[in-house]
């Protein structure tokens, strides 16, 4: 069998200036006011943190996903530059071992000429670019995000064909995703998300699991933080910063590194078969730009949680960045992927 890791997605880098006429097979009426003049924002100043790579700024919200009620002017805080920077590491980390059981489930769907996939908090669409070319059959992706700017990029840069050459089409939806119901997922073949579980509360995860179970819909949820980071060479402050970062992720009832366990329990309680697989980022000299942004954001979140660490953390960060520049720093950021196979509706196997 061909190793999916060697399969090259059909779409390349996110285009700098996409225009509506470039979108093929896309329902674009839900992205008003976006034209061909859209482009990435100005380059970040040296030493700055790209929005989304560091502390959230407002506890209780995922930057590009409106999880809970908020003001209409509450701005998104994930920059497309950060999402583009992390995409290769995300693609390399996602657990290919979960794809075969997912393919078997999708192949057994009754009476369907294609599959419908809801991608929650899609950002610039990296999940679709990774997964669509690894699945057979016609696919219709429904991309959910709160940011119309990112939805536009996701639509433009979406794959056009599946693994077997079947057509892939795309639709975008802007708005909240916290209160998912079986009705909202009616007709769905699969729900996907990346880096989403850890910003949910226990109640929201249970609601999510119940919605998937009620719709008989499997869920592939990737790259949830596991609460463990390994830096080589090690440093005495590593563990303290890691703990402070984990505490930061648990603000306002969010589960942070406890989310995968809570999700596995919730889906199991709703009758789903749950599979877990590690999906770590492996960062070395080849990923120096990503490592720098992650490191600045990781230390920044720890200091935001524990301001008394600032003086030590500043020295730590300077030394770590010097080691990175010298090609001496390697980082493993542990994540976990989860596949939940809910019981099908209507007696399908």
C-alpha atoms as a PDB file:
ATOM      1  CA  UNK A   1       0.000   0.000   0.000  1.00  0.00           C
ATOM      2  CA  UNK A   2       1.257   3.489  -0.790  1.00  0.00           C
ATOM      3  CA  UNK A   3       2.238   5.380   2.319  1.00  0.00           C
ATOM      4  CA  UNK A   4      -0.164   8.349   2.578  1.00  0.00           C
ATOM      5  CA  UNK A   5       2.674  10.399   4.016  1.00  0.00           C
ATOM      6  CA  UNK A   6       4.319  10.369   0.598  1.00  0.00           C
ATOM      7  CA  UNK A   7       1.227  11.579  -1.222  1.00  0.00           C
ATOM      8  CA  UNK A   8       1.582  15.186  -2.320  1.00  0.00           C
ATOM      9  CA  UNK A   9      -1.596  17.269  -1.929  1.00  0.00           C
ATOM     10  CA  UNK A  10      -2.768  18.706  -5.201  1.00  0.00           C
ATOM     11  CA  UNK A  11      -2.859  22.298  -4.026  1.00  0.00           C
ATOM     12  CA  UNK A  12       0.269  24.124  -3.054  1.00  0.00           C
ATOM     13  CA  UNK A  13       0.879  27.162  -0.896  1.00  0.00           C
ATOM     14  CA  UNK A  14      -2.012  29.410  -0.033  1.00  0.00           C
ATOM     15  CA  UNK A  15      -2.210  31.953  -2.879  1.00  0.00           C
ATOM     16  CA  UNK A  16      -1.204  35.489  -1.966  1.00  0.00           C
ATOM     17  CA  UNK A  17      -3.972  37.214  -3.901  1.00  0.00           C
ATOM     18  CA  UNK A  18      -6.904  34.883  -4.529  1.00  0.00           C
ATOM     19  CA  UNK A  19      -9.886  36.248  -6.387  1.00  0.00           C
ATOM     20  CA  UNK A  20     -13.455  34.957  -6.527  1.00  0.00           C
ATOM     21  CA  UNK A  21     -13.086  33.838 -10.138  1.00  0.00           C
ATOM     22  CA  UNK A  22     -10.366  31.378  -9.098  1.00  0.00           C
ATOM     23  CA  UNK A  23     -12.828  29.422  -6.950  1.00  0.00           C
ATOM     24  CA  UNK A  24     -14.090  26.353  -8.804  1.00  0.00           C
ATOM     25  CA  UNK A  25     -16.972  24.362  -7.350  1.00  0.00           C
ATOM     26  CA  UNK A  26     -17.261  26.712  -4.388  1.00  0.00           C
ATOM     27  CA  UNK A  27     -20.446  28.101  -2.884  1.00  0.00           C
ATOM     28  CA  UNK A  28     -19.099  31.605  -2.461  1.00  0.00           C
ATOM     29  CA  UNK A  29     -22.251  33.576  -1.807  1.00  0.00           C
ATOM     30  CA  UNK A  30     -21.579  33.339   1.912  1.00  0.00           C
ATOM     31  CA  UNK A  31     -18.355  35.368   1.738  1.00  0.00           C
ATOM     32  CA  UNK A  32     -19.566  38.847   0.783  1.00  0.00           C
ATOM     33  CA  UNK A  33     -17.246  41.732   0.138  1.00  0.00           C
ATOM     34  CA  UNK A  34     -14.107  39.759  -0.604  1.00  0.00           C
ATOM     35  CA  UNK A  35     -12.378  40.541  -3.876  1.00  0.00           C
ATOM     36  CA  UNK A  36      -9.149  39.843  -5.699  1.00  0.00           C
ATOM     37  CA  UNK A  37      -7.264  42.554  -3.802  1.00  0.00           C
ATOM     38  CA  UNK A  38      -7.037  40.449  -0.619  1.00  0.00           C
ATOM     39  CA  UNK A  39      -3.497  39.655   0.461  1.00  0.00           C
ATOM     40  CA  UNK A  40      -1.616  38.714   3.598  1.00  0.00           C
ATOM     41  CA  UNK A  41      -0.919  41.438   6.129  1.00  0.00           C
ATOM     42  CA  UNK A  42       2.458  43.173   6.522  1.00  0.00           C
ATOM     43  CA  UNK A  43       5.458  41.103   7.492  1.00  0.00           C
ATOM     44  CA  UNK A  44       6.009  40.709  11.203  1.00  0.00           C
ATOM     45  CA  UNK A  45       8.779  42.748  12.805  1.00  0.00           C
ATOM     46  CA  UNK A  46      11.817  40.758  13.917  1.00  0.00           C
ATOM     47  CA  UNK A  47      11.222  39.229  17.332  1.00  0.00           C
ATOM     48  CA  UNK A  48       7.446  39.644  17.251  1.00  0.00           C
ATOM     49  CA  UNK A  49       4.893  36.874  17.592  1.00  0.00           C
ATOM     50  CA  UNK A  50       2.524  36.234  14.713  1.00  0.00           C
ATOM     51  CA  UNK A  51      -1.066  36.505  15.985  1.00  0.00           C
ATOM     52  CA  UNK A  52      -2.283  33.055  16.942  1.00  0.00           C
ATOM     53  CA  UNK A  53       1.161  31.738  17.783  1.00  0.00           C
ATOM     54  CA  UNK A  54       1.151  33.241  21.257  1.00  0.00           C
ATOM     55  CA  UNK A  55      -1.288  33.868  24.120  1.00  0.00           C
ATOM     56  CA  UNK A  56      -4.903  34.129  23.077  1.00  0.00           C
ATOM     57  CA  UNK A  57      -5.323  37.606  24.524  1.00  0.00           C
ATOM     58  CA  UNK A  58      -8.879  36.832  25.586  1.00  0.00           C
ATOM     59  CA  UNK A  59      -9.335  33.645  27.629  1.00  0.00           C
ATOM     60  CA  UNK A  60     -12.228  31.453  26.628  1.00  0.00           C
ATOM     61  CA  UNK A  61     -12.113  31.853  22.869  1.00  0.00           C
ATOM     62  CA  UNK A  62     -10.395  30.132  19.989  1.00  0.00           C
ATOM     63  CA  UNK A  63      -8.936  32.862  17.772  1.00  0.00           C
ATOM     64  CA  UNK A  64     -10.637  31.957  14.498  1.00  0.00           C
ATOM     65  CA  UNK A  65     -13.623  30.067  15.835  1.00  0.00           C
ATOM     66  CA  UNK A  66     -16.481  31.778  17.608  1.00  0.00           C
ATOM     67  CA  UNK A  67     -17.134  29.240  20.332  1.00  0.00           C
ATOM     68  CA  UNK A  68     -19.322  31.256  22.647  1.00  0.00           C
ATOM     69  CA  UNK A  69     -21.406  34.407  22.572  1.00  0.00           C
ATOM     70  CA  UNK A  70     -19.234  37.453  21.957  1.00  0.00           C
ATOM     71  CA  UNK A  71     -19.570  40.973  20.692  1.00  0.00           C
ATOM     72  CA  UNK A  72     -20.022  41.415  16.936  1.00  0.00           C
ATOM     73  CA  UNK A  73     -16.758  43.343  16.753  1.00  0.00           C
ATOM     74  CA  UNK A  74     -14.723  40.740  18.640  1.00  0.00           C
ATOM     75  CA  UNK A  75     -11.812  40.347  16.186  1.00  0.00           C
ATOM     76  CA  UNK A  76     -10.237  37.094  15.027  1.00  0.00           C
ATOM     77  CA  UNK A  77      -6.645  36.713  16.110  1.00  0.00           C
ATOM     78  CA  UNK A  78      -5.144  33.959  13.962  1.00  0.00           C
ATOM     79  CA  UNK A  79      -3.000  35.369  11.188  1.00  0.00           C
ATOM     80  CA  UNK A  80      -2.925  33.365   7.937  1.00  0.00           C
ATOM     81  CA  UNK A  81       0.885  33.585   8.130  1.00  0.00           C
ATOM     82  CA  UNK A  82       0.845  31.458  11.300  1.00  0.00           C
ATOM     83  CA  UNK A  83      -1.538  28.909   9.828  1.00  0.00           C
ATOM     84  CA  UNK A  84       0.559  28.645   6.675  1.00  0.00           C
ATOM     85  CA  UNK A  85       3.760  28.345   8.706  1.00  0.00           C
ATOM     86  CA  UNK A  86       2.474  25.426  10.764  1.00  0.00           C
ATOM     87  CA  UNK A  87       0.723  23.556   7.936  1.00  0.00           C
ATOM     88  CA  UNK A  88       3.675  21.334   6.883  1.00  0.00           C
ATOM     89  CA  UNK A  89       4.316  20.301  10.511  1.00  0.00           C
ATOM     90  CA  UNK A  90       0.609  19.600  10.990  1.00  0.00           C
ATOM     91  CA  UNK A  91       0.507  17.468   7.843  1.00  0.00           C
ATOM     92  CA  UNK A  92       3.569  15.482   8.905  1.00  0.00           C
ATOM     93  CA  UNK A  93       2.190  14.940  12.415  1.00  0.00           C
ATOM     94  CA  UNK A  94      -1.378  13.822  11.701  1.00  0.00           C
ATOM     95  CA  UNK A  95      -1.931  10.140  12.431  1.00  0.00           C
ATOM     96  CA  UNK A  96      -2.109   8.197   9.167  1.00  0.00           C
ATOM     97  CA  UNK A  97      -2.938   5.026  11.124  1.00  0.00           C
ATOM     98  CA  UNK A  98      -6.449   6.374  11.750  1.00  0.00           C
ATOM     99  CA  UNK A  99      -7.218   6.675   8.045  1.00  0.00           C
ATOM    100  CA  UNK A 100      -7.823   3.001   7.243  1.00  0.00           C
ATOM    101  CA  UNK A 101     -10.649   2.526   9.796  1.00  0.00           C
ATOM    102  CA  UNK A 102     -12.104   5.828   8.621  1.00  0.00           C
ATOM    103  CA  UNK A 103     -11.957   4.755   4.969  1.00  0.00           C
ATOM    104  CA  UNK A 104     -13.699   1.470   5.832  1.00  0.00           C
ATOM    105  CA  UNK A 105     -16.478   3.334   7.624  1.00  0.00           C
ATOM    106  CA  UNK A 106     -16.974   5.807   4.784  1.00  0.00           C
ATOM    107  CA  UNK A 107     -16.952   3.031   2.186  1.00  0.00           C
ATOM    108  CA  UNK A 108     -19.832   1.313   4.023  1.00  0.00           C
ATOM    109  CA  UNK A 109     -22.150   4.303   3.986  1.00  0.00           C
ATOM    110  CA  UNK A 110     -25.452   3.192   2.419  1.00  0.00           C
ATOM    111  CA  UNK A 111     -26.973   4.772  -0.648  1.00  0.00           C
ATOM    112  CA  UNK A 112     -24.549   7.680  -0.953  1.00  0.00           C
ATOM    113  CA  UNK A 113     -23.050   8.923  -4.212  1.00  0.00           C
ATOM    114  CA  UNK A 114     -20.478  10.917  -2.250  1.00  0.00           C
ATOM    115  CA  UNK A 115     -19.524  12.054   1.233  1.00  0.00           C
ATOM    116  CA  UNK A 116     -20.202  15.311   3.073  1.00  0.00           C
ATOM    117  CA  UNK A 117     -17.510  16.524   5.448  1.00  0.00           C
ATOM    118  CA  UNK A 118     -17.927  19.359   7.980  1.00  0.00           C
ATOM    119  CA  UNK A 119     -14.564  20.944   8.870  1.00  0.00           C
ATOM    120  CA  UNK A 120     -14.950  22.962  12.079  1.00  0.00           C
ATOM    121  CA  UNK A 121     -12.635  25.925  12.603  1.00  0.00           C
ATOM    122  CA  UNK A 122     -11.119  25.345   9.185  1.00  0.00           C
ATOM    123  CA  UNK A 123      -8.775  28.351   9.195  1.00  0.00           C
ATOM    124  CA  UNK A 124      -7.083  28.403   5.791  1.00  0.00           C
ATOM    125  CA  UNK A 125      -8.266  24.872   5.004  1.00  0.00           C
ATOM    126  CA  UNK A 126      -5.231  22.760   5.871  1.00  0.00           C
ATOM    127  CA  UNK A 127      -7.317  19.766   6.972  1.00  0.00           C
ATOM    128  CA  UNK A 128      -9.049  19.590   3.609  1.00  0.00           C
ATOM    129  CA  UNK A 129      -5.772  19.887   1.722  1.00  0.00           C
ATOM    130  CA  UNK A 130      -4.387  17.003   3.783  1.00  0.00           C
ATOM    131  CA  UNK A 131      -7.413  14.696   3.932  1.00  0.00           C
ATOM    132  CA  UNK A 132      -9.351  15.127   0.686  1.00  0.00           C
ATOM    133  CA  UNK A 133      -6.579  13.691  -1.535  1.00  0.00           C
ATOM    134  CA  UNK A 134      -6.343  10.689   0.820  1.00  0.00           C
ATOM    135  CA  UNK A 135      -9.994   9.648   0.522  1.00  0.00           C
ATOM    136  CA  UNK A 136     -11.746   8.048  -2.456  1.00  0.00           C
ATOM    137  CA  UNK A 137     -15.043   9.181  -3.877  1.00  0.00           C
ATOM    138  CA  UNK A 138     -16.797  12.470  -4.520  1.00  0.00           C
ATOM    139  CA  UNK A 139     -16.584  14.834  -1.566  1.00  0.00           C
ATOM    140  CA  UNK A 140     -18.420  17.975  -0.527  1.00  0.00           C
ATOM    141  CA  UNK A 141     -16.615  19.932   2.200  1.00  0.00           C
ATOM    142  CA  UNK A 142     -18.513  22.411   4.384  1.00  0.00           C
ATOM    143  CA  UNK A 143     -15.933  24.742   5.899  1.00  0.00           C
ATOM    144  CA  UNK A 144     -16.852  26.457   9.179  1.00  0.00           C
ATOM    145  CA  UNK A 145     -14.988  29.447  10.611  1.00  0.00           C
ATOM    146  CA  UNK A 146     -15.785  32.831  12.098  1.00  0.00           C
ATOM    147  CA  UNK A 147     -13.346  34.718   9.855  1.00  0.00           C
ATOM    148  CA  UNK A 148     -14.540  35.371   6.271  1.00  0.00           C
ATOM    149  CA  UNK A 149     -10.993  36.318   5.258  1.00  0.00           C
ATOM    150  CA  UNK A 150      -9.674  32.865   6.202  1.00  0.00           C
ATOM    151  CA  UNK A 151     -12.730  31.146   4.731  1.00  0.00           C
ATOM    152  CA  UNK A 152     -11.923  32.767   1.410  1.00  0.00           C
ATOM    153  CA  UNK A 153      -8.374  31.413   1.446  1.00  0.00           C
ATOM    154  CA  UNK A 154      -9.653  27.981   2.464  1.00  0.00           C
ATOM    155  CA  UNK A 155     -12.100  27.901  -0.433  1.00  0.00           C
ATOM    156  CA  UNK A 156      -9.605  29.107  -3.024  1.00  0.00           C
ATOM    157  CA  UNK A 157      -6.863  26.691  -1.961  1.00  0.00           C
ATOM    158  CA  UNK A 158      -9.071  23.635  -1.509  1.00  0.00           C
ATOM    159  CA  UNK A 159      -8.266  20.426  -3.416  1.00  0.00           C
ATOM    160  CA  UNK A 160     -10.270  19.824  -6.569  1.00  0.00           C
ATOM    161  CA  UNK A 161     -10.146  16.028  -6.680  1.00  0.00           C
ATOM    162  CA  UNK A 162     -10.065  13.020  -4.362  1.00  0.00           C
ATOM    163  CA  UNK A 163      -7.546  10.172  -4.290  1.00  0.00           C
ATOM    164  CA  UNK A 164      -9.346   8.384  -7.134  1.00  0.00           C
ATOM    165  CA  UNK A 165      -9.893  11.539  -9.191  1.00  0.00           C
ATOM    166  CA  UNK A 166     -13.472  12.120  -8.044  1.00  0.00           C
ATOM    167  CA  UNK A 167     -14.665  15.699  -7.728  1.00  0.00           C
ATOM    168  CA  UNK A 168     -14.243  17.715  -4.522  1.00  0.00           C
ATOM    169  CA  UNK A 169     -16.524  20.716  -3.980  1.00  0.00           C
ATOM    170  CA  UNK A 170     -16.533  23.289  -1.183  1.00  0.00           C
ATOM    171  CA  UNK A 171     -19.054  25.392   0.703  1.00  0.00           C
ATOM    172  CA  UNK A 172     -18.287  27.948   3.426  1.00  0.00           C
ATOM    173  CA  UNK A 173     -20.252  28.802   6.556  1.00  0.00           C
ATOM    174  CA  UNK A 174     -19.431  31.589   8.962  1.00  0.00           C
ATOM    175  CA  UNK A 175     -20.578  31.577  12.587  1.00  0.00           C
ATOM    176  CA  UNK A 176     -20.672  29.784  15.911  1.00  0.00           C
ATOM    177  CA  UNK A 177     -19.926  26.082  16.180  1.00  0.00           C
ATOM    178  CA  UNK A 178     -20.256  25.588  19.936  1.00  0.00           C
ATOM    179  CA  UNK A 179     -23.891  24.514  19.911  1.00  0.00           C
ATOM    180  CA  UNK A 180     -23.769  21.717  17.393  1.00  0.00           C
ATOM    181  CA  UNK A 181     -26.912  19.594  17.142  1.00  0.00           C
ATOM    182  CA  UNK A 182     -27.724  16.415  15.219  1.00  0.00           C
ATOM    183  CA  UNK A 183     -29.906  18.569  12.953  1.00  0.00           C
ATOM    184  CA  UNK A 184     -26.910  20.763  12.088  1.00  0.00           C
ATOM    185  CA  UNK A 185     -25.028  17.617  11.053  1.00  0.00           C
ATOM    186  CA  UNK A 186     -27.914  16.026   9.158  1.00  0.00           C
ATOM    187  CA  UNK A 187     -26.517  14.312   6.085  1.00  0.00           C
ATOM    188  CA  UNK A 188     -22.926  14.589   7.292  1.00  0.00           C
ATOM    189  CA  UNK A 189     -20.586  11.681   6.585  1.00  0.00           C
ATOM    190  CA  UNK A 190     -17.718  13.006   8.722  1.00  0.00           C
ATOM    191  CA  UNK A 191     -16.804  15.869  11.057  1.00  0.00           C
ATOM    192  CA  UNK A 192     -13.198  17.046  11.191  1.00  0.00           C
ATOM    193  CA  UNK A 193     -11.265  19.629  13.212  1.00  0.00           C
ATOM    194  CA  UNK A 194      -7.681  20.445  14.117  1.00  0.00           C
ATOM    195  CA  UNK A 195      -6.442  21.920  17.401  1.00  0.00           C
ATOM    196  CA  UNK A 196     -10.010  22.457  18.567  1.00  0.00           C
ATOM    197  CA  UNK A 197     -10.736  20.119  21.495  1.00  0.00           C
ATOM    198  CA  UNK A 198      -8.314  21.823  23.886  1.00  0.00           C
ATOM    199  CA  UNK A 199     -10.226  25.124  23.780  1.00  0.00           C
ATOM    200  CA  UNK A 200     -13.558  23.506  24.617  1.00  0.00           C
ATOM    201  CA  UNK A 201     -15.121  23.047  28.048  1.00  0.00           C
ATOM    202  CA  UNK A 202     -16.287  19.656  29.282  1.00  0.00           C
ATOM    203  CA  UNK A 203     -19.905  20.622  28.594  1.00  0.00           C
ATOM    204  CA  UNK A 204     -19.075  21.705  25.044  1.00  0.00           C
ATOM    205  CA  UNK A 205     -17.220  18.460  24.351  1.00  0.00           C
ATOM    206  CA  UNK A 206     -20.204  16.463  25.592  1.00  0.00           C
ATOM    207  CA  UNK A 207     -22.510  18.518  23.363  1.00  0.00           C
ATOM    208  CA  UNK A 208     -20.171  17.898  20.432  1.00  0.00           C
ATOM    209  CA  UNK A 209     -20.064  14.136  21.079  1.00  0.00           C
ATOM    210  CA  UNK A 210     -23.853  13.993  21.481  1.00  0.00           C
ATOM    211  CA  UNK A 211     -24.365  15.808  18.170  1.00  0.00           C
ATOM    212  CA  UNK A 212     -22.090  13.400  16.316  1.00  0.00           C
ATOM    213  CA  UNK A 213     -23.765  10.402  17.966  1.00  0.00           C
ATOM    214  CA  UNK A 214     -27.240  11.716  17.161  1.00  0.00           C
ATOM    215  CA  UNK A 215     -26.277  12.148  13.519  1.00  0.00           C
ATOM    216  CA  UNK A 216     -24.453   8.791  13.408  1.00  0.00           C
ATOM    217  CA  UNK A 217     -21.443  10.716  12.168  1.00  0.00           C
ATOM    218  CA  UNK A 218     -17.781   9.831  12.764  1.00  0.00           C
ATOM    219  CA  UNK A 219     -15.341  12.523  13.890  1.00  0.00           C
ATOM    220  CA  UNK A 220     -11.640  12.898  13.093  1.00  0.00           C
ATOM    221  CA  UNK A 221     -10.168  15.409  15.553  1.00  0.00           C
ATOM    222  CA  UNK A 222      -6.464  16.039  15.126  1.00  0.00           C
ATOM    223  CA  UNK A 223      -3.599  17.828  16.845  1.00  0.00           C
ATOM    224  CA  UNK A 224      -5.041  18.299  20.326  1.00  0.00           C
ATOM    225  CA  UNK A 225      -2.361  19.319  22.807  1.00  0.00           C
ATOM    226  CA  UNK A 226      -1.183  16.548  25.107  1.00  0.00           C
ATOM    227  CA  UNK A 227       0.510  18.783  27.696  1.00  0.00           C
ATOM    228  CA  UNK A 228       4.013  17.433  27.062  1.00  0.00           C
ATOM    229  CA  UNK A 229       6.929  19.168  25.389  1.00  0.00           C
ATOM    230  CA  UNK A 230      10.488  17.888  25.023  1.00  0.00           C
ATOM    231  CA  UNK A 231      13.339  20.263  24.229  1.00  0.00           C
ATOM    232  CA  UNK A 232      16.833  19.044  23.392  1.00  0.00           C
ATOM    233  CA  UNK A 233      19.150  19.997  24.972  1.00  0.00           C
ATOM    234  CA  UNK A 234      17.115  20.221  28.161  1.00  0.00           C
ATOM    235  CA  UNK A 235      17.046  23.240  30.507  1.00  0.00           C
ATOM    236  CA  UNK A 236      16.106  23.475  34.211  1.00  0.00           C
ATOM    237  CA  UNK A 237      13.223  25.844  33.426  1.00  0.00           C
ATOM    238  CA  UNK A 238      11.560  23.566  30.841  1.00  0.00           C
ATOM    239  CA  UNK A 239       9.219  21.798  33.270  1.00  0.00           C
ATOM    240  CA  UNK A 240       8.126  24.965  35.053  1.00  0.00           C
ATOM    241  CA  UNK A 241       7.314  26.747  31.820  1.00  0.00           C
ATOM    242  CA  UNK A 242       5.450  23.695  30.542  1.00  0.00           C
ATOM    243  CA  UNK A 243       3.298  23.580  33.670  1.00  0.00           C
ATOM    244  CA  UNK A 244       2.547  27.297  33.449  1.00  0.00           C
ATOM    245  CA  UNK A 245       1.621  26.907  29.780  1.00  0.00           C
ATOM    246  CA  UNK A 246      -0.713  24.000  30.593  1.00  0.00           C
ATOM    247  CA  UNK A 247      -2.367  26.058  33.333  1.00  0.00           C
ATOM    248  CA  UNK A 248      -2.839  28.852  30.796  1.00  0.00           C
ATOM    249  CA  UNK A 249      -4.642  26.421  28.493  1.00  0.00           C
ATOM    250  CA  UNK A 250      -7.075  25.518  31.290  1.00  0.00           C
ATOM    251  CA  UNK A 251      -8.358  29.063  31.830  1.00  0.00           C
ATOM    252  CA  UNK A 252     -12.092  29.737  32.010  1.00  0.00           C
ATOM    253  CA  UNK A 253     -12.991  26.063  32.148  1.00  0.00           C
ATOM    254  CA  UNK A 254     -11.222  25.121  28.916  1.00  0.00           C
ATOM    255  CA  UNK A 255      -9.772  21.625  29.143  1.00  0.00           C
ATOM    256  CA  UNK A 256      -6.431  22.224  27.444  1.00  0.00           C
ATOM    257  CA  UNK A 257      -4.276  19.087  27.762  1.00  0.00           C
ATOM    258  CA  UNK A 258      -7.136  17.236  29.495  1.00  0.00           C
ATOM    259  CA  UNK A 259      -9.410  17.558  26.470  1.00  0.00           C
ATOM    260  CA  UNK A 260      -8.503  14.383  24.602  1.00  0.00           C
ATOM    261  CA  UNK A 261      -9.246  12.188  27.617  1.00  0.00           C
ATOM    262  CA  UNK A 262     -12.528  14.013  28.202  1.00  0.00           C
ATOM    263  CA  UNK A 263     -13.483  13.676  24.536  1.00  0.00           C
ATOM    264  CA  UNK A 264     -12.658   9.957  24.452  1.00  0.00           C
ATOM    265  CA  UNK A 265     -14.859   9.441  27.507  1.00  0.00           C
ATOM    266  CA  UNK A 266     -17.699  11.556  26.084  1.00  0.00           C
ATOM    267  CA  UNK A 267     -17.760   9.817  22.703  1.00  0.00           C
ATOM    268  CA  UNK A 268     -17.544   6.398  24.397  1.00  0.00           C
ATOM    269  CA  UNK A 269     -20.453   7.256  26.669  1.00  0.00           C
ATOM    270  CA  UNK A 270     -22.473   8.090  23.553  1.00  0.00           C
ATOM    271  CA  UNK A 271     -21.738   4.671  22.074  1.00  0.00           C
ATOM    272  CA  UNK A 272     -18.857   5.511  19.748  1.00  0.00           C
ATOM    273  CA  UNK A 273     -15.771   3.406  19.176  1.00  0.00           C
ATOM    274  CA  UNK A 274     -12.798   5.654  19.942  1.00  0.00           C
ATOM    275  CA  UNK A 275      -9.240   5.329  18.686  1.00  0.00           C
ATOM    276  CA  UNK A 276      -6.365   7.543  19.815  1.00  0.00           C
ATOM    277  CA  UNK A 277      -2.988   7.981  18.179  1.00  0.00           C
ATOM    278  CA  UNK A 278      -0.033  10.280  18.951  1.00  0.00           C
ATOM    279  CA  UNK A 279       0.625  13.074  16.451  1.00  0.00           C
ATOM    280  CA  UNK A 280       3.690  14.999  17.666  1.00  0.00           C
ATOM    281  CA  UNK A 281       5.335  17.931  15.967  1.00  0.00           C
ATOM    282  CA  UNK A 282       9.007  17.088  15.413  1.00  0.00           C
ATOM    283  CA  UNK A 283      10.786  20.420  15.047  1.00  0.00           C
ATOM    284  CA  UNK A 284      14.433  20.744  14.090  1.00  0.00           C
ATOM    285  CA  UNK A 285      16.658  23.106  12.075  1.00  0.00           C
ATOM    286  CA  UNK A 286      14.477  22.607   8.970  1.00  0.00           C
ATOM    287  CA  UNK A 287      11.502  24.122  10.817  1.00  0.00           C
ATOM    288  CA  UNK A 288      13.393  27.022  12.414  1.00  0.00           C
ATOM    289  CA  UNK A 289      10.797  29.686  11.541  1.00  0.00           C
ATOM    290  CA  UNK A 290       7.953  27.640  13.011  1.00  0.00           C
ATOM    291  CA  UNK A 291      10.023  26.676  16.057  1.00  0.00           C
ATOM    292  CA  UNK A 292      10.817  30.326  16.772  1.00  0.00           C
ATOM    293  CA  UNK A 293       7.182  31.384  16.600  1.00  0.00           C
ATOM    294  CA  UNK A 294       6.033  28.410  18.679  1.00  0.00           C
ATOM    295  CA  UNK A 295       8.756  29.022  21.285  1.00  0.00           C
ATOM    296  CA  UNK A 296       7.932  32.717  21.640  1.00  0.00           C
ATOM    297  CA  UNK A 297       4.238  31.915  21.978  1.00  0.00           C
ATOM    298  CA  UNK A 298       4.830  29.037  24.430  1.00  0.00           C
ATOM    299  CA  UNK A 299       7.026  31.148  26.706  1.00  0.00           C
ATOM    300  CA  UNK A 300       4.682  34.122  26.341  1.00  0.00           C
ATOM    301  CA  UNK A 301       1.661  32.107  27.442  1.00  0.00           C
ATOM    302  CA  UNK A 302       3.575  30.721  30.424  1.00  0.00           C
ATOM    303  CA  UNK A 303       4.578  34.225  31.516  1.00  0.00           C
ATOM    304  CA  UNK A 304       1.037  35.493  30.993  1.00  0.00           C
ATOM    305  CA  UNK A 305      -0.092  32.773  33.411  1.00  0.00           C
ATOM    306  CA  UNK A 306       2.765  33.326  35.874  1.00  0.00           C
ATOM    307  CA  UNK A 307       4.182  36.872  35.589  1.00  0.00           C
ATOM    308  CA  UNK A 308       6.768  36.160  38.275  1.00  0.00           C
ATOM    309  CA  UNK A 309       8.594  33.988  35.726  1.00  0.00           C
ATOM    310  CA  UNK A 310       9.251  36.891  33.365  1.00  0.00           C
ATOM    311  CA  UNK A 311      12.871  37.689  34.285  1.00  0.00           C
ATOM    312  CA  UNK A 312      13.983  34.053  34.136  1.00  0.00           C
ATOM    313  CA  UNK A 313      11.890  33.422  31.030  1.00  0.00           C
ATOM    314  CA  UNK A 314      13.480  36.326  29.149  1.00  0.00           C
ATOM    315  CA  UNK A 315      16.940  34.880  29.725  1.00  0.00           C
ATOM    316  CA  UNK A 316      15.669  31.408  28.857  1.00  0.00           C
ATOM    317  CA  UNK A 317      14.122  32.590  25.594  1.00  0.00           C
ATOM    318  CA  UNK A 318      17.307  34.409  24.545  1.00  0.00           C
ATOM    319  CA  UNK A 319      19.380  31.271  25.092  1.00  0.00           C
ATOM    320  CA  UNK A 320      16.872  29.033  23.354  1.00  0.00           C
ATOM    321  CA  UNK A 321      16.690  31.297  20.300  1.00  0.00           C
ATOM    322  CA  UNK A 322      20.486  31.386  20.107  1.00  0.00           C
ATOM    323  CA  UNK A 323      20.558  27.580  20.153  1.00  0.00           C
ATOM    324  CA  UNK A 324      17.901  27.528  17.439  1.00  0.00           C
ATOM    325  CA  UNK A 325      19.941  29.889  15.260  1.00  0.00           C
ATOM    326  CA  UNK A 326      22.976  27.640  15.748  1.00  0.00           C
ATOM    327  CA  UNK A 327      20.965  24.600  14.646  1.00  0.00           C
ATOM    328  CA  UNK A 328      21.310  22.985  18.073  1.00  0.00           C
ATOM    329  CA  UNK A 329      17.707  23.046  19.302  1.00  0.00           C
ATOM    330  CA  UNK A 330      15.144  20.325  18.668  1.00  0.00           C
ATOM    331  CA  UNK A 331      11.602  20.309  20.005  1.00  0.00           C
ATOM    332  CA  UNK A 332       8.894  17.656  20.219  1.00  0.00           C
ATOM    333  CA  UNK A 333       5.443  19.076  20.864  1.00  0.00           C
ATOM    334  CA  UNK A 334       3.129  16.202  21.720  1.00  0.00           C
ATOM    335  CA  UNK A 335      -0.404  16.068  20.318  1.00  0.00           C
ATOM    336  CA  UNK A 336      -3.035  13.355  20.094  1.00  0.00           C
ATOM    337  CA  UNK A 337      -5.414  12.550  17.209  1.00  0.00           C
ATOM    338  CA  UNK A 338      -8.821  11.058  17.939  1.00  0.00           C
ATOM    339  CA  UNK A 339     -11.127   9.079  15.659  1.00  0.00           C
ATOM    340  CA  UNK A 340     -14.621   8.503  17.033  1.00  0.00           C
ATOM    341  CA  UNK A 341     -16.807   6.091  15.062  1.00  0.00           C
ATOM    342  CA  UNK A 342     -20.341   6.785  16.249  1.00  0.00           C
ATOM    343  CA  UNK A 343     -22.984   4.156  15.673  1.00  0.00           C
ATOM    344  CA  UNK A 344     -24.469   4.717  12.211  1.00  0.00           C
ATOM    345  CA  UNK A 345     -28.044   5.903  11.917  1.00  0.00           C
ATOM    346  CA  UNK A 346     -30.339   3.560  10.030  1.00  0.00           C
ATOM    347  CA  UNK A 347     -28.525   0.316  10.626  1.00  0.00           C
ATOM    348  CA  UNK A 348     -25.468   0.811   8.386  1.00  0.00           C
ATOM    349  CA  UNK A 349     -22.402  -1.207   9.266  1.00  0.00           C
END
